[in-house]
Amino acid sequence: MSLADLQQRMKSVLISPSCESAQSFQTDIVGDNPQGRLFRYQNNLRASLTDALQACFPVTEKIVGTDFFTQAAQHFFPSHLPKTPNLSLYGADFPHWLREQPQTRTLPYLGDIAQFEWNRLCCSQAGDTPSISATEIATQTEEQLQKLHLGLRPSACLMQSAFPLYDIWLWTQKKSLKKPVFTSGTSFFFLIYRQENGLYTETLSEADFQFLQDFTSPLSLNNKLQHHLAEGNSYASFQELMALALHYKILTPQTEKN
């Protein structure tokens, strides 16, 4: 048996303790008490991945309770094993998985609040690039401005939801006395970004969100202006929205893609 085959077999045994290969695998283990030793490996895997999910989604766990969350983790990880050794960023698919579970239908916002937590986590751990300032833009020549492409920094992301996620996040952690208000047909827009002194979340207007959304792909400043004006907006509103983006320090120069 090749090493790759052995590793695959071990993986199957660890995530499915009751499978037939688990029974036969015990006979191949050298030493005393193979069943007990294999059980310890299985238990350590379950505990490690459950702990990792709890660390990544603490507010989600508070909402559903530790017992429910632990059971959900046990069902999640067999088909979503880590792809890297870094368990501090484990669970990218967990929000979507939660949305698909029948048991969470009474909490329709649960998948979105998990995604909100995941986005905050990714922003907090993302590598970074320097932001561009209003002064730097003002000193560009006309030719340089034509070539200047801007995008969101890796430590910033945008999110839209039908639920007041930031209010839910604050309320659940008792960081706010304002109880979340759920209004059918309402959309909420969020900017999550990291600065030197911490991680921040802003609730945006739809217009602010749509303006910033264009920067999720590198866009020349000139093209952004022309697109803004073509939608019937004024140059003054473009200046106001750019001032907002520069205030948050979330834009960074990026290389033009051919």
Protein backbone atom coordinates (compact mmCIF):
# COMPACT_ATOMS: atom_id res chain seq x y z
CA MET A 1 0.00 0.00 0.00
CA SER A 2 1.37 3.40 -0.99
CA LEU A 3 1.72 6.28 1.46
CA ALA A 4 -1.05 8.18 -0.36
CA ASP A 5 -3.38 5.19 -0.05
CA LEU A 6 -2.57 4.83 3.64
CA GLN A 7 -3.21 8.53 4.24
CA GLN A 8 -6.56 8.36 2.44
CA ARG A 9 -7.53 5.29 4.43
CA MET A 10 -6.57 6.99 7.69
CA LYS A 11 -8.61 10.03 6.70
CA SER A 12 -11.69 7.89 6.03
CA VAL A 13 -11.32 6.11 9.34
CA LEU A 14 -10.96 9.33 11.31
CA ILE A 15 -14.02 11.03 9.86
CA SER A 16 -16.21 7.89 9.75
CA PRO A 17 -15.50 5.82 12.88
CA SER A 18 -18.30 3.34 12.09
CA CYS A 19 -17.26 2.54 8.53
CA GLU A 20 -16.07 -0.97 7.63
CA SER A 21 -12.53 0.20 6.94
CA ALA A 22 -12.34 1.47 10.52
CA GLN A 23 -12.91 -2.05 11.82
CA SER A 24 -10.28 -3.60 9.55
CA PHE A 25 -7.85 -0.72 10.14
CA GLN A 26 -7.68 -1.60 13.82
CA THR A 27 -6.17 -4.98 12.99
CA ASP A 28 -3.32 -3.23 11.14
CA ILE A 29 -2.32 -1.04 14.08
CA VAL A 30 0.78 -2.29 15.83
CA GLY A 31 0.75 -2.31 19.63
CA ASP A 32 -1.72 -2.68 22.47
CA ASN A 33 -5.32 -1.44 22.51
CA PRO A 34 -5.65 -0.37 18.85
CA GLN A 35 -9.33 0.48 19.28
CA GLY A 36 -8.64 2.85 22.15
CA ARG A 37 -5.75 4.52 20.37
CA LEU A 38 -7.77 4.99 17.21
CA PHE A 39 -10.64 6.42 19.28
CA ARG A 40 -8.27 9.02 20.76
CA TYR A 41 -7.23 10.12 17.26
CA GLN A 42 -10.87 10.39 16.21
CA ASN A 43 -11.82 12.30 19.34
CA ASN A 44 -8.87 14.69 19.00
CA LEU A 45 -9.88 15.48 15.42
CA ARG A 46 -13.50 16.19 16.38
CA ALA A 47 -12.44 18.33 19.34
CA SER A 48 -9.85 20.31 17.36
CA LEU A 49 -12.19 21.15 14.48
CA THR A 50 -15.09 21.95 16.80
CA ASP A 51 -12.82 24.28 18.81
CA ALA A 52 -11.68 25.92 15.57
CA LEU A 53 -15.27 26.61 14.47
CA GLN A 54 -16.16 27.95 17.91
CA ALA A 55 -13.21 30.34 17.73
CA CYS A 56 -14.22 31.55 14.26
CA PHE A 57 -17.97 31.84 14.94
CA PRO A 58 -18.45 32.81 18.62
CA VAL A 59 -21.57 34.93 18.05
CA THR A 60 -23.20 32.21 15.95
CA GLU A 61 -22.56 29.80 18.82
CA LYS A 62 -24.11 32.21 21.33
CA ILE A 63 -27.26 32.47 19.23
CA VAL A 64 -27.87 28.72 18.87
CA GLY A 65 -26.24 27.53 22.11
CA THR A 66 -23.16 25.39 22.64
CA ASP A 67 -24.96 22.03 22.37
CA PHE A 68 -26.56 22.82 19.03
CA PHE A 69 -23.34 24.37 17.71
CA THR A 70 -21.27 21.35 18.73
CA GLN A 71 -23.68 18.97 16.99
CA ALA A 72 -23.65 21.16 13.90
CA ALA A 73 -19.85 21.13 13.88
CA GLN A 74 -19.81 17.31 14.11
CA HIS A 75 -22.01 17.10 11.03
CA PHE A 76 -20.14 19.80 9.14
CA PHE A 77 -16.51 18.78 9.33
CA PRO A 78 -16.59 15.26 7.76
CA SER A 79 -17.36 16.80 4.35
CA HIS A 80 -15.43 20.03 4.98
CA LEU A 81 -12.00 19.09 6.25
CA PRO A 82 -9.35 21.84 6.54
CA LYS A 83 -7.42 22.56 3.35
CA THR A 84 -4.52 24.18 5.19
CA PRO A 85 -2.88 23.65 8.61
CA ASN A 86 -4.09 27.12 9.69
CA LEU A 87 -7.20 26.38 11.76
CA SER A 88 -7.61 30.05 12.69
CA LEU A 89 -9.27 30.41 9.29
CA TYR A 90 -11.33 27.22 9.20
CA GLY A 91 -14.97 27.27 8.19
CA ALA A 92 -15.30 29.28 4.97
CA ASP A 93 -18.21 27.07 3.89
CA PHE A 94 -19.89 26.99 7.31
CA PRO A 95 -22.24 29.97 6.72
CA HIS A 96 -23.60 28.46 3.49
CA TRP A 97 -23.87 25.04 5.14
CA LEU A 98 -25.93 26.53 7.99
CA ARG A 99 -28.36 28.10 5.50
CA GLU A 100 -28.99 24.67 4.00
CA GLN A 101 -29.88 22.93 7.27
CA PRO A 102 -33.59 22.34 8.03
CA GLN A 103 -32.93 22.87 11.75
CA THR A 104 -31.94 26.53 11.19
CA ARG A 105 -35.06 27.62 9.29
CA THR A 106 -36.49 29.24 12.41
CA LEU A 107 -33.40 31.48 12.44
CA PRO A 108 -33.28 32.75 8.85
CA TYR A 109 -30.52 35.24 9.66
CA LEU A 110 -28.15 32.61 11.10
CA GLY A 111 -26.23 31.93 7.89
CA ASP A 112 -25.80 35.65 7.29
CA ILE A 113 -24.56 36.35 10.81
CA ALA A 114 -22.06 33.51 10.39
CA GLN A 115 -20.95 35.07 7.08
CA PHE A 116 -20.66 38.43 8.85
CA GLU A 117 -18.37 36.84 11.44
CA TRP A 118 -16.33 35.13 8.73
CA ASN A 119 -15.88 38.41 6.83
CA ARG A 120 -14.72 40.15 10.00
CA LEU A 121 -12.27 37.33 10.68
CA CYS A 122 -10.86 37.45 7.14
CA CYS A 123 -10.44 41.22 7.30
CA SER A 124 -8.69 40.96 10.65
CA GLN A 125 -6.16 38.42 9.34
CA ALA A 126 -5.73 39.60 5.75
CA GLY A 127 -2.42 40.77 4.43
CA ASP A 128 -2.44 44.42 3.56
CA THR A 129 -1.35 47.11 1.15
CA PRO A 130 -1.00 50.84 1.86
CA SER A 131 -4.06 53.00 1.34
CA ILE A 132 -4.04 55.96 -1.02
CA SER A 133 -4.78 59.40 0.39
CA ALA A 134 -6.55 62.42 -1.02
CA THR A 135 -3.20 64.24 -1.10
CA GLU A 136 -1.62 61.51 -3.22
CA ILE A 137 -4.49 61.64 -5.70
CA ALA A 138 -4.36 65.45 -5.84
CA THR A 139 -0.66 65.42 -6.76
CA GLN A 140 -1.15 63.02 -9.70
CA THR A 141 -0.76 64.42 -13.21
CA GLU A 142 -3.62 64.04 -15.67
CA GLU A 143 -1.72 61.25 -17.42
CA GLN A 144 -1.12 59.46 -14.11
CA LEU A 145 -4.79 59.76 -13.18
CA GLN A 146 -5.73 58.12 -16.47
CA LYS A 147 -3.63 55.11 -15.48
CA LEU A 148 -4.47 55.10 -11.77
CA HIS A 149 -6.45 51.97 -10.85
CA LEU A 150 -7.92 51.60 -7.40
CA GLY A 151 -9.29 48.58 -5.57
CA LEU A 152 -10.35 47.64 -2.06
CA ARG A 153 -7.57 46.78 0.35
CA PRO A 154 -7.43 43.08 1.33
CA SER A 155 -8.44 44.10 4.87
CA ALA A 156 -11.76 45.55 3.70
CA CYS A 157 -14.92 43.90 2.43
CA LEU A 158 -18.54 44.75 1.66
CA MET A 159 -21.64 42.77 2.58
CA GLN A 160 -25.36 43.03 1.89
CA SER A 161 -28.08 41.28 3.87
CA ALA A 162 -31.82 41.32 4.51
CA PHE A 163 -31.05 41.43 8.24
CA PRO A 164 -29.53 44.05 10.58
CA LEU A 165 -26.42 41.96 11.14
CA TYR A 166 -24.34 44.55 12.93
CA ASP A 167 -27.14 45.23 15.43
CA ILE A 168 -27.55 41.45 15.97
CA TRP A 169 -23.78 41.08 16.43
CA LEU A 170 -23.65 43.89 19.01
CA TRP A 171 -26.83 42.81 20.82
CA THR A 172 -25.71 39.18 21.15
CA GLN A 173 -22.45 40.25 22.79
CA LYS A 174 -24.25 42.76 25.03
CA LYS A 175 -22.25 45.58 23.43
CA SER A 176 -25.45 47.45 22.67
CA LEU A 177 -28.76 48.02 24.45
CA LYS A 178 -30.43 48.54 21.08
CA LYS A 179 -32.50 45.47 20.29
CA PRO A 180 -32.34 44.51 16.60
CA VAL A 181 -35.44 45.42 14.59
CA PHE A 182 -36.41 43.04 11.78
CA THR A 183 -38.31 44.70 8.93
CA SER A 184 -39.48 42.64 5.98
CA GLY A 185 -38.27 43.86 2.60
CA THR A 186 -35.40 45.92 4.01
CA SER A 187 -31.81 45.59 2.84
CA PHE A 188 -28.77 46.41 4.96
CA PHE A 189 -25.33 47.28 3.65
CA PHE A 190 -22.08 46.92 5.56
CA LEU A 191 -18.43 47.84 5.23
CA ILE A 192 -15.97 45.87 7.33
CA TYR A 193 -12.42 47.18 7.42
CA ARG A 194 -9.26 47.03 9.50
CA GLN A 195 -7.18 49.98 10.60
CA GLU A 196 -4.00 50.10 12.65
CA ASN A 197 -5.97 50.44 15.87
CA GLY A 198 -8.66 47.82 15.28
CA LEU A 199 -11.44 46.32 13.19
CA TYR A 200 -14.47 48.41 12.28
CA THR A 201 -17.93 47.95 10.81
CA GLU A 202 -19.95 50.69 9.18
CA THR A 203 -23.59 50.49 8.12
CA LEU A 204 -23.82 52.15 4.71
CA SER A 205 -26.55 53.64 2.58
CA GLU A 206 -27.32 51.76 -0.61
CA ALA A 207 -25.75 54.56 -2.67
CA ASP A 208 -22.51 54.41 -0.66
CA PHE A 209 -22.46 50.63 -0.93
CA GLN A 210 -22.98 50.63 -4.70
CA PHE A 211 -20.25 53.23 -5.15
CA LEU A 212 -17.73 51.19 -3.17
CA GLN A 213 -18.86 47.92 -4.75
CA ASP A 214 -17.28 48.95 -8.06
CA PHE A 215 -13.88 48.90 -6.39
CA THR A 216 -14.09 45.17 -5.59
CA SER A 217 -12.43 44.80 -9.00
CA PRO A 218 -9.61 47.22 -9.89
CA LEU A 219 -11.08 50.24 -11.65
CA SER A 220 -9.46 53.33 -13.09
CA LEU A 221 -10.44 56.50 -11.33
CA ASN A 222 -11.36 58.08 -14.64
CA ASN A 223 -13.64 55.18 -15.60
CA LYS A 224 -15.24 55.31 -12.18
CA LEU A 225 -16.01 59.00 -12.65
CA GLN A 226 -17.44 58.48 -16.13
CA HIS A 227 -19.60 55.59 -14.92
CA HIS A 228 -20.87 57.69 -12.02
CA LEU A 229 -21.79 60.60 -14.28
CA ALA A 230 -23.41 58.30 -16.86
CA GLU A 231 -25.85 57.15 -14.18
CA GLY A 232 -27.11 60.71 -13.82
CA ASN A 233 -25.07 61.61 -10.75
CA SER A 234 -23.22 64.87 -10.27
CA TYR A 235 -19.51 65.51 -10.05
CA ALA A 236 -20.10 66.90 -6.56
CA SER A 237 -21.62 63.61 -5.39
CA PHE A 238 -18.61 61.77 -6.86
CA GLN A 239 -16.31 63.95 -4.79
CA GLU A 240 -18.37 63.31 -1.66
CA LEU A 241 -18.35 59.54 -2.14
CA MET A 242 -14.62 59.48 -2.92
CA ALA A 243 -14.00 61.53 0.23
CA LEU A 244 -15.92 58.88 2.19
CA ALA A 245 -13.83 56.03 0.73
CA LEU A 246 -10.61 57.92 1.42
CA HIS A 247 -11.76 58.70 4.96
CA TYR A 248 -12.13 54.97 5.64
CA LYS A 249 -8.67 54.37 4.09
CA ILE A 250 -9.92 51.31 2.20
CA LEU A 251 -8.66 52.08 -1.33
CA THR A 252 -5.26 51.05 -2.61
CA PRO A 253 -3.49 51.54 -5.97
CA GLN A 254 -3.50 48.38 -8.06
CA THR A 255 -1.82 47.29 -11.25
CA GLU A 256 -3.95 47.57 -14.36
CA LYS A 257 -5.00 44.17 -15.67
CA ASN A 258 -4.71 43.63 -19.39
